Amino acid sequence: DGSEKLEPIFIGKASKPWCFKKQSPEQCG
């Protein structure tokens, strides 16, 4: 019914993607 939604998960190949620069993905939200 859409009353409970989970945060989106992103799955990629790189353990530290360059697009996050020096931050962790969690720090970027």
PDB file of all heavy atoms in Angstrom:
ATOM      1  N   ASP A   1       0.812  -1.224   0.000  1.00  0.00           N
ATOM      2  CA  ASP A   1       0.000   0.000   0.000  1.00  0.00           C
ATOM      3  C   ASP A   1       0.845   1.275   0.000  1.00  0.00           C
ATOM      4  O   ASP A   1       0.315   2.377  -0.001  1.00  0.00           O
ATOM      5  CB  ASP A   1      -0.994   0.012   1.159  1.00  0.00           C
ATOM      6  CG  ASP A   1      -0.344   0.100   2.531  1.00  0.00           C
ATOM      7  OD1 ASP A   1       0.900   0.189   2.614  1.00  0.00           O
ATOM      8  OD2 ASP A   1      -1.089   0.082   3.531  1.00  0.00           O
ATOM      9  N   GLY A   2       2.160   1.134  -0.009  1.00  0.00           N
ATOM     10  CA  GLY A   2       3.047   2.296  -0.102  1.00  0.00           C
ATOM     11  C   GLY A   2       3.256   3.054   1.184  1.00  0.00           C
ATOM     12  O   GLY A   2       3.847   4.130   1.181  1.00  0.00           O
ATOM     13  N   SER A   3       2.797   2.510   2.311  1.00  0.00           N
ATOM     14  CA  SER A   3       2.952   3.230   3.576  1.00  0.00           C
ATOM     15  C   SER A   3       4.359   3.111   4.148  1.00  0.00           C
ATOM     16  O   SER A   3       4.754   3.929   4.964  1.00  0.00           O
ATOM     17  CB  SER A   3       1.923   2.725   4.601  1.00  0.00           C
ATOM     18  OG  SER A   3       2.142   1.361   4.878  1.00  0.00           O
ATOM     19  N   GLU A   4       5.116   2.099   3.739  1.00  0.00           N
ATOM     20  CA  GLU A   4       6.510   1.943   4.171  1.00  0.00           C
ATOM     21  C   GLU A   4       7.393   1.854   2.940  1.00  0.00           C
ATOM     22  O   GLU A   4       7.195   1.002   2.084  1.00  0.00           O
ATOM     23  CB  GLU A   4       6.678   0.685   5.022  1.00  0.00           C
ATOM     24  CG  GLU A   4       5.963   0.747   6.345  1.00  0.00           C
ATOM     25  CD  GLU A   4       6.207  -0.493   7.188  1.00  0.00           C
ATOM     26  OE1 GLU A   4       7.126  -1.262   6.876  1.00  0.00           O
ATOM     27  OE2 GLU A   4       5.461  -0.685   8.143  1.00  0.00           O
ATOM     28  N   LYS A   5       8.377   2.741   2.856  1.00  0.00           N
ATOM     29  CA  LYS A   5       9.297   2.767   1.728  1.00  0.00           C
ATOM     30  C   LYS A   5      10.712   2.726   2.267  1.00  0.00           C
ATOM     31  O   LYS A   5      11.020   3.390   3.245  1.00  0.00           O
ATOM     32  CB  LYS A   5       9.093   4.032   0.906  1.00  0.00           C
ATOM     33  CG  LYS A   5       7.699   4.163   0.354  1.00  0.00           C
ATOM     34  CD  LYS A   5       7.486   5.516  -0.265  1.00  0.00           C
ATOM     35  CE  LYS A   5       6.019   5.664  -0.617  1.00  0.00           C
ATOM     36  NZ  LYS A   5       5.649   7.029  -0.906  1.00  0.00           N
ATOM     37  N   LEU A   6      11.580   1.952   1.609  1.00  0.00           N
ATOM     38  CA  LEU A   6      12.986   1.902   1.993  1.00  0.00           C
ATOM     39  C   LEU A   6      13.770   2.902   1.163  1.00  0.00           C
ATOM     40  O   LEU A   6      13.390   3.242   0.042  1.00  0.00           O
ATOM     41  CB  LEU A   6      13.547   0.497   1.777  1.00  0.00           C
ATOM     42  CG  LEU A   6      12.919  -0.623   2.587  1.00  0.00           C
ATOM     43  CD1 LEU A   6      13.605  -1.944   2.255  1.00  0.00           C
ATOM     44  CD2 LEU A   6      12.993  -0.348   4.073  1.00  0.00           C
ATOM     45  N   GLU A   7      14.869   3.372   1.726  1.00  0.00           N
ATOM     46  CA  GLU A   7      15.774   4.244   0.990  1.00  0.00           C
ATOM     47  C   GLU A   7      16.273   3.498  -0.248  1.00  0.00           C
ATOM     48  O   GLU A   7      16.464   2.286  -0.204  1.00  0.00           O
ATOM     49  CB  GLU A   7      16.979   4.620   1.853  1.00  0.00           C
ATOM     50  CG  GLU A   7      16.652   5.550   2.992  1.00  0.00           C
ATOM     51  CD  GLU A   7      16.346   6.957   2.527  1.00  0.00           C
ATOM     52  OE1 GLU A   7      16.909   7.401   1.513  1.00  0.00           O
ATOM     53  OE2 GLU A   7      15.527   7.598   3.192  1.00  0.00           O
ATOM     54  N   PRO A   8      16.507   4.181  -1.365  1.00  0.00           N
ATOM     55  CA  PRO A   8      17.049   3.511  -2.556  1.00  0.00           C
ATOM     56  C   PRO A   8      18.450   2.957  -2.287  1.00  0.00           C
ATOM     57  O   PRO A   8      19.208   3.511  -1.495  1.00  0.00           O
ATOM     58  CB  PRO A   8      17.123   4.614  -3.601  1.00  0.00           C
ATOM     59  CG  PRO A   8      16.271   5.721  -3.092  1.00  0.00           C
ATOM     60  CD  PRO A   8      16.227   5.584  -1.608  1.00  0.00           C
ATOM     61  N   ILE A   9      18.779   1.849  -2.941  1.00  0.00           N
ATOM     62  CA  ILE A   9      20.129   1.291  -2.869  1.00  0.00           C
ATOM     63  C   ILE A   9      20.751   1.419  -4.263  1.00  0.00           C
ATOM     64  O   ILE A   9      20.085   1.193  -5.267  1.00  0.00           O
ATOM     65  CB  ILE A   9      20.134  -0.172  -2.401  1.00  0.00           C
ATOM     66  CG1 ILE A   9      21.564  -0.708  -2.301  1.00  0.00           C
ATOM     67  CG2 ILE A   9      19.279  -1.054  -3.272  1.00  0.00           C
ATOM     68  CD1 ILE A   9      21.692  -2.086  -1.702  1.00  0.00           C
ATOM     69  N   PHE A  10      22.005   1.814  -4.295  1.00  0.00           N
ATOM     70  CA  PHE A  10      22.753   1.926  -5.538  1.00  0.00           C
ATOM     71  C   PHE A  10      23.855   0.877  -5.502  1.00  0.00           C
ATOM     72  O   PHE A  10      24.607   0.791  -4.533  1.00  0.00           O
ATOM     73  CB  PHE A  10      23.351   3.327  -5.682  1.00  0.00           C
ATOM     74  CG  PHE A  10      22.305   4.402  -5.780  1.00  0.00           C
ATOM     75  CD1 PHE A  10      21.794   5.009  -4.646  1.00  0.00           C
ATOM     76  CD2 PHE A  10      21.827   4.784  -7.017  1.00  0.00           C
ATOM     77  CE1 PHE A  10      20.819   5.990  -4.735  1.00  0.00           C
ATOM     78  CE2 PHE A  10      20.851   5.765  -7.120  1.00  0.00           C
ATOM     79  CZ  PHE A  10      20.350   6.367  -5.974  1.00  0.00           C
ATOM     80  N   ILE A  11      23.949   0.084  -6.568  1.00  0.00           N
ATOM     81  CA  ILE A  11      24.950  -0.980  -6.643  1.00  0.00           C
ATOM     82  C   ILE A  11      25.801  -0.725  -7.873  1.00  0.00           C
ATOM     83  O   ILE A  11      25.286  -0.605  -8.983  1.00  0.00           O
ATOM     84  CB  ILE A  11      24.285  -2.363  -6.740  1.00  0.00           C
ATOM     85  CG1 ILE A  11      23.310  -2.557  -5.584  1.00  0.00           C
ATOM     86  CG2 ILE A  11      25.340  -3.460  -6.754  1.00  0.00           C
ATOM     87  CD1 ILE A  11      22.405  -3.750  -5.747  1.00  0.00           C
ATOM     88  N   GLY A  12      27.098  -0.635  -7.653  1.00  0.00           N
ATOM     89  CA  GLY A  12      28.023  -0.393  -8.753  1.00  0.00           C
ATOM     90  C   GLY A  12      29.177  -1.366  -8.715  1.00  0.00           C
ATOM     91  O   GLY A  12      29.269  -2.216  -7.828  1.00  0.00           O
ATOM     92  N   LYS A  13      30.094  -1.234  -9.666  1.00  0.00           N
ATOM     93  CA  LYS A  13      31.257  -2.121  -9.730  1.00  0.00           C
ATOM     94  C   LYS A  13      32.410  -1.629  -8.860  1.00  0.00           C
ATOM     95  O   LYS A  13      33.134  -2.415  -8.282  1.00  0.00           O
ATOM     96  CB  LYS A  13      31.742  -2.244 -11.172  1.00  0.00           C
ATOM     97  CG  LYS A  13      30.825  -3.040 -12.054  1.00  0.00           C
ATOM     98  CD  LYS A  13      31.439  -3.204 -13.432  1.00  0.00           C
ATOM     99  CE  LYS A  13      30.537  -4.033 -14.317  1.00  0.00           C
ATOM    100  NZ  LYS A  13      31.162  -4.290 -15.612  1.00  0.00           N
ATOM    101  N   ALA A  14      32.592  -0.335  -8.764  1.00  0.00           N
ATOM    102  CA  ALA A  14      33.740   0.240  -8.058  1.00  0.00           C
ATOM    103  C   ALA A  14      33.492   0.295  -6.554  1.00  0.00           C
ATOM    104  O   ALA A  14      32.405   0.646  -6.105  1.00  0.00           O
ATOM    105  CB  ALA A  14      34.026   1.640  -8.570  1.00  0.00           C
ATOM    106  N   SER A  15      34.520  -0.058  -5.774  1.00  0.00           N
ATOM    107  CA  SER A  15      34.381   0.031  -4.322  1.00  0.00           C
ATOM    108  C   SER A  15      34.426   1.473  -3.841  1.00  0.00           C
ATOM    109  O   SER A  15      33.786   1.821  -2.852  1.00  0.00           O
ATOM    110  CB  SER A  15      35.455  -0.793  -3.628  1.00  0.00           C
ATOM    111  OG  SER A  15      36.732  -0.329  -3.973  1.00  0.00           O
ATOM    112  N   LYS A  16      35.176   2.322  -4.549  1.00  0.00           N
ATOM    113  CA  LYS A  16      35.222   3.753  -4.251  1.00  0.00           C
ATOM    114  C   LYS A  16      35.069   4.521  -5.565  1.00  0.00           C
ATOM    115  O   LYS A  16      36.050   4.879  -6.199  1.00  0.00           O
ATOM    116  CB  LYS A  16      36.544   4.129  -3.582  1.00  0.00           C
ATOM    117  CG  LYS A  16      36.673   3.598  -2.189  1.00  0.00           C
ATOM    118  CD  LYS A  16      37.880   4.200  -1.514  1.00  0.00           C
ATOM    119  CE  LYS A  16      37.890   3.780  -0.059  1.00  0.00           C
ATOM    120  NZ  LYS A  16      38.909   4.465   0.690  1.00  0.00           N
ATOM    121  N   PRO A  17      33.830   4.786  -5.986  1.00  0.00           N
ATOM    122  CA  PRO A  17      33.619   5.475  -7.264  1.00  0.00           C
ATOM    123  C   PRO A  17      34.235   6.868  -7.264  1.00  0.00           C
ATOM    124  O   PRO A  17      34.186   7.582  -6.265  1.00  0.00           O
ATOM    125  CB  PRO A  17      32.097   5.575  -7.374  1.00  0.00           C
ATOM    126  CG  PRO A  17      31.560   4.577  -6.415  1.00  0.00           C
ATOM    127  CD  PRO A  17      32.579   4.431  -5.342  1.00  0.00           C
ATOM    128  N   TRP A  18      34.815   7.262  -8.392  1.00  0.00           N
ATOM    129  CA  TRP A  18      35.477   8.560  -8.485  1.00  0.00           C
ATOM    130  C   TRP A  18      34.492   9.706  -8.337  1.00  0.00           C
ATOM    131  O   TRP A  18      34.869  10.798  -7.944  1.00  0.00           O
ATOM    132  CB  TRP A  18      36.242   8.674  -9.798  1.00  0.00           C
ATOM    133  CG  TRP A  18      35.361   8.610 -11.003  1.00  0.00           C
ATOM    134  CD1 TRP A  18      35.013   7.485 -11.697  1.00  0.00           C
ATOM    135  CD2 TRP A  18      34.689   9.694 -11.636  1.00  0.00           C
ATOM    136  NE1 TRP A  18      34.162   7.802 -12.726  1.00  0.00           N
ATOM    137  CE2 TRP A  18      33.950   9.172 -12.712  1.00  0.00           C
ATOM    138  CE3 TRP A  18      34.635  11.058 -11.400  1.00  0.00           C
ATOM    139  CZ2 TRP A  18      33.165   9.951 -13.535  1.00  0.00           C
ATOM    140  CZ3 TRP A  18      33.852  11.842 -12.236  1.00  0.00           C
ATOM    141  CH2 TRP A  18      33.133  11.286 -13.285  1.00  0.00           C
ATOM    142  N   CYS A  19      33.215   9.471  -8.644  1.00  0.00           N
ATOM    143  CA  CYS A  19      32.238  10.566  -8.586  1.00  0.00           C
ATOM    144  C   CYS A  19      31.982  11.045  -7.156  1.00  0.00           C
ATOM    145  O   CYS A  19      31.501  12.151  -6.951  1.00  0.00           O
ATOM    146  CB  CYS A  19      30.930  10.143  -9.244  1.00  0.00           C
ATOM    147  SG  CYS A  19      30.128   8.742  -8.476  1.00  0.00           S
ATOM    148  N   PHE A  20      32.323  10.222  -6.151  1.00  0.00           N
ATOM    149  CA  PHE A  20      32.150  10.634  -4.760  1.00  0.00           C
ATOM    150  C   PHE A  20      33.357  11.414  -4.249  1.00  0.00           C
ATOM    151  O   PHE A  20      33.351  11.891  -3.126  1.00  0.00           O
ATOM    152  CB  PHE A  20      31.908   9.424  -3.858  1.00  0.00           C
ATOM    153  CG  PHE A  20      30.637   8.689  -4.175  1.00  0.00           C
ATOM    154  CD1 PHE A  20      30.633   7.318  -4.288  1.00  0.00           C
ATOM    155  CD2 PHE A  20      29.440   9.366  -4.358  1.00  0.00           C
ATOM    156  CE1 PHE A  20      29.469   6.630  -4.569  1.00  0.00           C
ATOM    157  CE2 PHE A  20      28.272   8.686  -4.639  1.00  0.00           C
ATOM    158  CZ  PHE A  20      28.291   7.316  -4.750  1.00  0.00           C
ATOM    159  N   LYS A  21      34.392  11.509  -5.078  1.00  0.00           N
ATOM    160  CA  LYS A  21      35.636  12.197  -4.750  1.00  0.00           C
ATOM    161  C   LYS A  21      36.228  11.660  -3.456  1.00  0.00           C
ATOM    162  O   LYS A  21      36.436  10.469  -3.342  1.00  0.00           O
ATOM    163  CB  LYS A  21      35.420  13.697  -4.733  1.00  0.00           C
ATOM    164  CG  LYS A  21      34.880  14.168  -6.081  1.00  0.00           C
ATOM    165  CD  LYS A  21      35.057  15.589  -6.307  1.00  0.00           C
ATOM    166  CE  LYS A  21      34.464  15.852  -7.692  1.00  0.00           C
ATOM    167  NZ  LYS A  21      34.622  17.098  -8.188  1.00  0.00           N
ATOM    168  N   LYS A  22      36.463  12.480  -2.461  1.00  0.00           N
ATOM    169  CA  LYS A  22      37.112  12.001  -1.232  1.00  0.00           C
ATOM    170  C   LYS A  22      36.126  11.639  -0.142  1.00  0.00           C
ATOM    171  O   LYS A  22      36.513  11.294   0.953  1.00  0.00           O
ATOM    172  CB  LYS A  22      38.097  13.049  -0.730  1.00  0.00           C
ATOM    173  CG  LYS A  22      39.246  13.258  -1.681  1.00  0.00           C
ATOM    174  CD  LYS A  22      40.258  14.224  -1.140  1.00  0.00           C
ATOM    175  CE  LYS A  22      41.385  14.389  -2.142  1.00  0.00           C
ATOM    176  NZ  LYS A  22      42.419  15.272  -1.666  1.00  0.00           N
ATOM    177  N   GLN A  23      34.831  11.706  -0.427  1.00  0.00           N
ATOM    178  CA  GLN A  23      33.814  11.364   0.562  1.00  0.00           C
ATOM    179  C   GLN A  23      33.343   9.936   0.349  1.00  0.00           C
ATOM    180  O   GLN A  23      33.451   9.388  -0.746  1.00  0.00           O
ATOM    181  CB  GLN A  23      32.617  12.297   0.436  1.00  0.00           C
ATOM    182  CG  GLN A  23      32.925  13.735   0.747  1.00  0.00           C
ATOM    183  CD  GLN A  23      31.699  14.607   0.624  1.00  0.00           C
ATOM    184  OE1 GLN A  23      30.768  14.286  -0.089  1.00  0.00           O
ATOM    185  NE2 GLN A  23      31.704  15.722   1.326  1.00  0.00           N
ATOM    186  N   SER A  24      32.799   9.353   1.400  1.00  0.00           N
ATOM    187  CA  SER A  24      32.187   8.038   1.255  1.00  0.00           C
ATOM    188  C   SER A  24      30.772   8.230   0.704  1.00  0.00           C
ATOM    189  O   SER A  24      30.194   9.311   0.837  1.00  0.00           O
ATOM    190  CB  SER A  24      32.134   7.330   2.603  1.00  0.00           C
ATOM    191  OG  SER A  24      31.181   7.941   3.444  1.00  0.00           O
ATOM    192  N   PRO A  25      30.205   7.203   0.082  1.00  0.00           N
ATOM    193  CA  PRO A  25      28.829   7.327  -0.417  1.00  0.00           C
ATOM    194  C   PRO A  25      27.832   7.682   0.692  1.00  0.00           C
ATOM    195  O   PRO A  25      26.893   8.434   0.463  1.00  0.00           O
ATOM    196  CB  PRO A  25      28.537   5.949  -0.993  1.00  0.00           C
ATOM    197  CG  PRO A  25      29.877   5.399  -1.345  1.00  0.00           C
ATOM    198  CD  PRO A  25      30.812   5.943  -0.306  1.00  0.00           C
ATOM    199  N   GLU A  26      28.051   7.169   1.890  1.00  0.00           N
ATOM    200  CA  GLU A  26      27.160   7.473   3.009  1.00  0.00           C
ATOM    201  C   GLU A  26      27.215   8.956   3.372  1.00  0.00           C
ATOM    202  O   GLU A  26      26.215   9.550   3.744  1.00  0.00           O
ATOM    203  CB  GLU A  26      27.498   6.615   4.225  1.00  0.00           C
ATOM    204  CG  GLU A  26      27.111   5.145   4.065  1.00  0.00           C
ATOM    205  CD  GLU A  26      28.089   4.354   3.214  1.00  0.00           C
ATOM    206  OE1 GLU A  26      29.248   4.803   3.027  1.00  0.00           O
ATOM    207  OE2 GLU A  26      27.700   3.295   2.715  1.00  0.00           O
ATOM    208  N   GLN A  27      28.387   9.570   3.279  1.00  0.00           N
ATOM    209  CA  GLN A  27      28.519  11.001   3.548  1.00  0.00           C
ATOM    210  C   GLN A  27      27.784  11.825   2.496  1.00  0.00           C
ATOM    211  O   GLN A  27      27.331  12.929   2.778  1.00  0.00           O
ATOM    212  CB  GLN A  27      29.991  11.407   3.589  1.00  0.00           C
ATOM    213  CG  GLN A  27      30.736  10.882   4.783  1.00  0.00           C
ATOM    214  CD  GLN A  27      32.234  11.158   4.680  1.00  0.00           C
ATOM    215  OE1 GLN A  27      32.807  11.137   3.592  1.00  0.00           O
ATOM    216  NE2 GLN A  27      32.859  11.400   5.823  1.00  0.00           N
ATOM    217  N   CYS A  28      27.661  11.294   1.288  1.00  0.00           N
ATOM    218  CA  CYS A  28      26.939  11.976   0.220  1.00  0.00           C
ATOM    219  C   CYS A  28      25.436  11.716   0.292  1.00  0.00           C
ATOM    220  O   CYS A  28      24.681  12.293  -0.479  1.00  0.00           O
ATOM    221  CB  CYS A  28      27.461  11.511  -1.136  1.00  0.00           C
ATOM    222  SG  CYS A  28      29.161  11.981  -1.461  1.00  0.00           S
ATOM    223  N   GLY A  29      25.010  10.839   1.173  1.00  0.00           N
ATOM    224  CA  GLY A  29      23.587  10.563   1.324  1.00  0.00           C
ATOM    225  C   GLY A  29      23.080   9.385   0.522  1.00  0.00           C
ATOM    226  O   GLY A  29      21.886   9.271   0.275  1.00  0.00           O
TER     227      GLY A  29
END
